[in-house]
N, C-alpha and C. Protein backbone atom coordinates (compact mmCIF):
# COMPACT_ATOMS: atom_id res chain seq x y z
N UNK A 1 -11.15 26.92 62.58
CA UNK A 1 -10.33 25.34 63.47
C UNK A 1 -9.53 25.00 62.04
N UNK A 2 -8.48 25.05 61.18
CA UNK A 2 -7.92 24.61 59.87
C UNK A 2 -7.97 23.38 60.04
N UNK A 3 -8.67 22.61 59.33
CA UNK A 3 -8.81 20.78 58.89
C UNK A 3 -7.35 20.86 58.82
N UNK A 4 -6.97 19.24 59.25
CA UNK A 4 -5.26 18.81 59.02
C UNK A 4 -5.55 17.71 59.08
N UNK A 5 -4.17 16.79 58.54
CA UNK A 5 -4.27 15.69 57.86
C UNK A 5 -4.80 14.40 58.83
N UNK A 6 -4.82 14.68 60.59
CA UNK A 6 -4.71 14.17 61.62
C UNK A 6 -6.25 14.20 62.35
N UNK A 7 -7.03 14.85 62.01
CA UNK A 7 -8.51 15.05 61.88
C UNK A 7 -8.92 14.28 60.51
N UNK A 8 -8.37 13.89 59.75
CA UNK A 8 -9.31 12.95 58.35
C UNK A 8 -9.98 11.96 59.19
N UNK A 9 -10.81 10.93 58.42
CA UNK A 9 -11.45 9.84 58.79
C UNK A 9 -10.40 8.48 58.24
N UNK A 10 -10.91 7.52 58.89
CA UNK A 10 -9.72 6.45 58.15
C UNK A 10 -10.21 6.20 56.82
N UNK A 11 -10.93 5.75 56.25
CA UNK A 11 -10.64 5.82 54.92
C UNK A 11 -9.91 6.74 53.73
N UNK A 12 -9.87 7.51 54.15
CA UNK A 12 -9.21 9.07 53.64
C UNK A 12 -7.40 8.89 54.15
N UNK A 13 -7.36 8.71 55.31
CA UNK A 13 -6.03 8.64 56.11
C UNK A 13 -5.29 7.21 55.54
N UNK A 14 -5.65 6.39 55.02
CA UNK A 14 -5.95 4.93 54.25
C UNK A 14 -5.23 5.97 53.12
N UNK A 15 -5.86 5.69 52.27
CA UNK A 15 -5.31 6.44 50.96
C UNK A 15 -5.16 7.20 50.38
N UNK A 16 -4.48 8.59 51.46
CA UNK A 16 -3.23 9.12 51.35
C UNK A 16 -2.02 8.03 51.58
N UNK A 17 -2.16 7.12 52.39
CA UNK A 17 -0.78 6.24 52.54
C UNK A 17 -0.55 5.60 51.51
N UNK A 18 -1.36 5.17 50.60
CA UNK A 18 -1.15 4.03 49.47
C UNK A 18 -0.92 5.09 48.32
N UNK A 19 -1.23 6.07 48.53
CA UNK A 19 -0.74 6.91 47.70
C UNK A 19 0.49 7.22 47.45
N UNK A 20 0.76 7.28 48.69
CA UNK A 20 2.35 7.65 48.71
C UNK A 20 3.15 6.95 48.70
N UNK A 21 2.55 5.89 48.99
CA UNK A 21 3.89 4.23 48.98
C UNK A 21 3.59 4.19 47.26
N UNK A 22 2.43 4.20 47.01
CA UNK A 22 2.85 3.42 45.60
C UNK A 22 3.64 4.87 44.63
N UNK A 23 3.52 6.27 44.71
CA UNK A 23 4.78 6.97 44.65
C UNK A 23 6.13 7.00 44.68
N UNK A 24 6.59 6.67 45.98
CA UNK A 24 7.54 6.40 46.13
C UNK A 24 8.19 5.18 45.48
N UNK A 25 7.36 3.95 45.70
CA UNK A 25 7.77 2.99 44.51
C UNK A 25 7.85 3.00 43.69
N UNK A 26 7.30 4.26 42.98
CA UNK A 26 7.01 4.46 41.46
C UNK A 26 8.53 5.08 41.36
N UNK A 27 9.12 5.60 42.05
CA UNK A 27 10.42 6.67 41.66
C UNK A 27 11.57 5.78 42.20
N UNK A 28 11.48 5.19 43.03
CA UNK A 28 12.46 3.93 43.07
C UNK A 28 12.73 3.41 41.89
N UNK A 29 11.76 2.80 41.38
CA UNK A 29 11.60 2.05 40.02
C UNK A 29 12.52 3.07 39.25
N UNK A 30 11.56 3.32 38.80
CA UNK A 30 12.31 4.75 38.08
C UNK A 30 13.38 5.11 37.98
N UNK A 31 13.78 5.38 38.85
CA UNK A 31 15.34 6.04 39.84
C UNK A 31 16.54 4.65 38.96
N UNK A 32 16.03 3.30 39.54
CA UNK A 32 16.95 2.25 39.34
C UNK A 32 16.86 2.09 37.63
N UNK A 33 15.86 2.05 37.36
CA UNK A 33 15.86 2.16 35.37
C UNK A 33 16.59 2.36 35.07
N UNK A 34 16.78 4.20 35.20
CA UNK A 34 17.56 5.23 34.49
C UNK A 34 18.63 5.35 34.59
N UNK A 35 19.48 4.29 35.90
CA UNK A 35 20.24 4.42 36.27
C UNK A 35 21.42 3.76 35.11
N UNK A 36 22.53 4.73 34.99
CA UNK A 36 22.99 3.67 34.07
C UNK A 36 24.10 2.43 34.71
N UNK A 37 23.63 1.24 33.86
CA UNK A 37 24.18 0.24 34.34
C UNK A 37 25.48 -0.33 33.45
N UNK A 38 26.30 -0.22 34.80
CA UNK A 38 28.16 -0.98 34.53
C UNK A 38 28.27 -2.08 33.02
N UNK A 39 28.86 -1.85 32.06
CA UNK A 39 29.36 -2.46 31.21
C UNK A 39 29.83 -3.61 31.59
N UNK A 40 31.14 -3.72 32.60
CA UNK A 40 32.00 -4.57 32.69
C UNK A 40 31.42 -5.66 33.58
N UNK A 41 31.90 -7.12 33.40
CA UNK A 41 31.16 -7.85 33.89
C UNK A 41 31.68 -8.00 35.52
N UNK A 42 32.47 -7.31 35.49
CA UNK A 42 33.83 -7.05 37.30
C UNK A 42 32.81 -7.72 38.47
N UNK A 43 31.76 -7.01 38.75
CA UNK A 43 30.81 -7.86 40.13
C UNK A 43 31.16 -8.92 39.85
N UNK A 44 30.56 -9.34 38.44
CA UNK A 44 29.56 -10.71 38.18
C UNK A 44 31.16 -12.02 38.27
N UNK A 45 32.11 -11.11 37.75
CA UNK A 45 33.65 -12.38 37.95
C UNK A 45 33.61 -12.25 39.34
N UNK A 46 33.90 -10.56 40.22
CA UNK A 46 34.00 -11.18 41.79
C UNK A 46 33.76 -12.11 42.38
N UNK A 47 32.37 -11.92 42.09
CA UNK A 47 31.11 -12.86 42.72
C UNK A 47 30.96 -14.34 42.45
N UNK A 48 31.64 -14.76 40.99
CA UNK A 48 31.72 -16.03 40.54
C UNK A 48 32.83 -16.49 41.58
N UNK A 49 33.89 -15.56 41.50
CA UNK A 49 35.47 -16.14 42.06
C UNK A 49 35.14 -16.16 43.93
N UNK A 50 34.21 -16.09 44.61
CA UNK A 50 33.63 -15.57 45.69
C UNK A 50 33.18 -17.30 45.88
N UNK A 51 32.21 -17.84 45.28
CA UNK A 51 31.66 -18.83 45.54
C UNK A 51 32.02 -20.05 44.94
N UNK A 52 33.10 -19.58 44.09
CA UNK A 52 34.17 -21.12 43.94
C UNK A 52 35.05 -21.18 44.73
N UNK A 53 35.91 -20.16 45.51
CA UNK A 53 36.18 -20.34 47.09
C UNK A 53 35.70 -20.80 48.06
N UNK A 54 34.78 -20.70 48.18
CA UNK A 54 33.65 -20.75 49.10
C UNK A 54 34.46 -22.12 50.00
N UNK A 55 34.54 -21.62 50.97
CA UNK A 55 34.55 -23.31 51.66
C UNK A 55 35.63 -24.14 51.85
N UNK A 56 36.34 -23.58 51.17
CA UNK A 56 38.32 -23.98 50.75
C UNK A 56 38.91 -23.40 52.23
N UNK A 57 39.90 -24.77 52.17
CA UNK A 57 40.72 -23.38 52.91
C UNK A 57 41.66 -22.68 52.64
N UNK A 58 42.41 -21.78 53.56
CA UNK A 58 42.85 -20.79 52.82
C UNK A 58 44.48 -20.91 53.18
N UNK A 59 45.28 -20.80 52.09
CA UNK A 59 46.91 -21.05 52.32
C UNK A 59 47.44 -20.51 53.83
N UNK A 60 47.73 -21.07 54.44
CA UNK A 60 49.10 -19.91 55.97
C UNK A 60 50.10 -20.19 55.59
N UNK A 61 50.92 -18.90 56.30
CA UNK A 61 52.00 -18.00 55.73
C UNK A 61 53.31 -19.17 56.36
């Protein structure tokens, strides 16, 4: 019978899960950090406009 992951004891199973989560979170963090960041503040301008106009009544035609 071949040993499988499902027949491992609980500490081994937990260790594999923790290592997998650490590797996954490291991959996500590194990918986000290496992603080119936009130089323009267009998103910030749009967010600022949305915050300033929140709660104001819209003009009707």
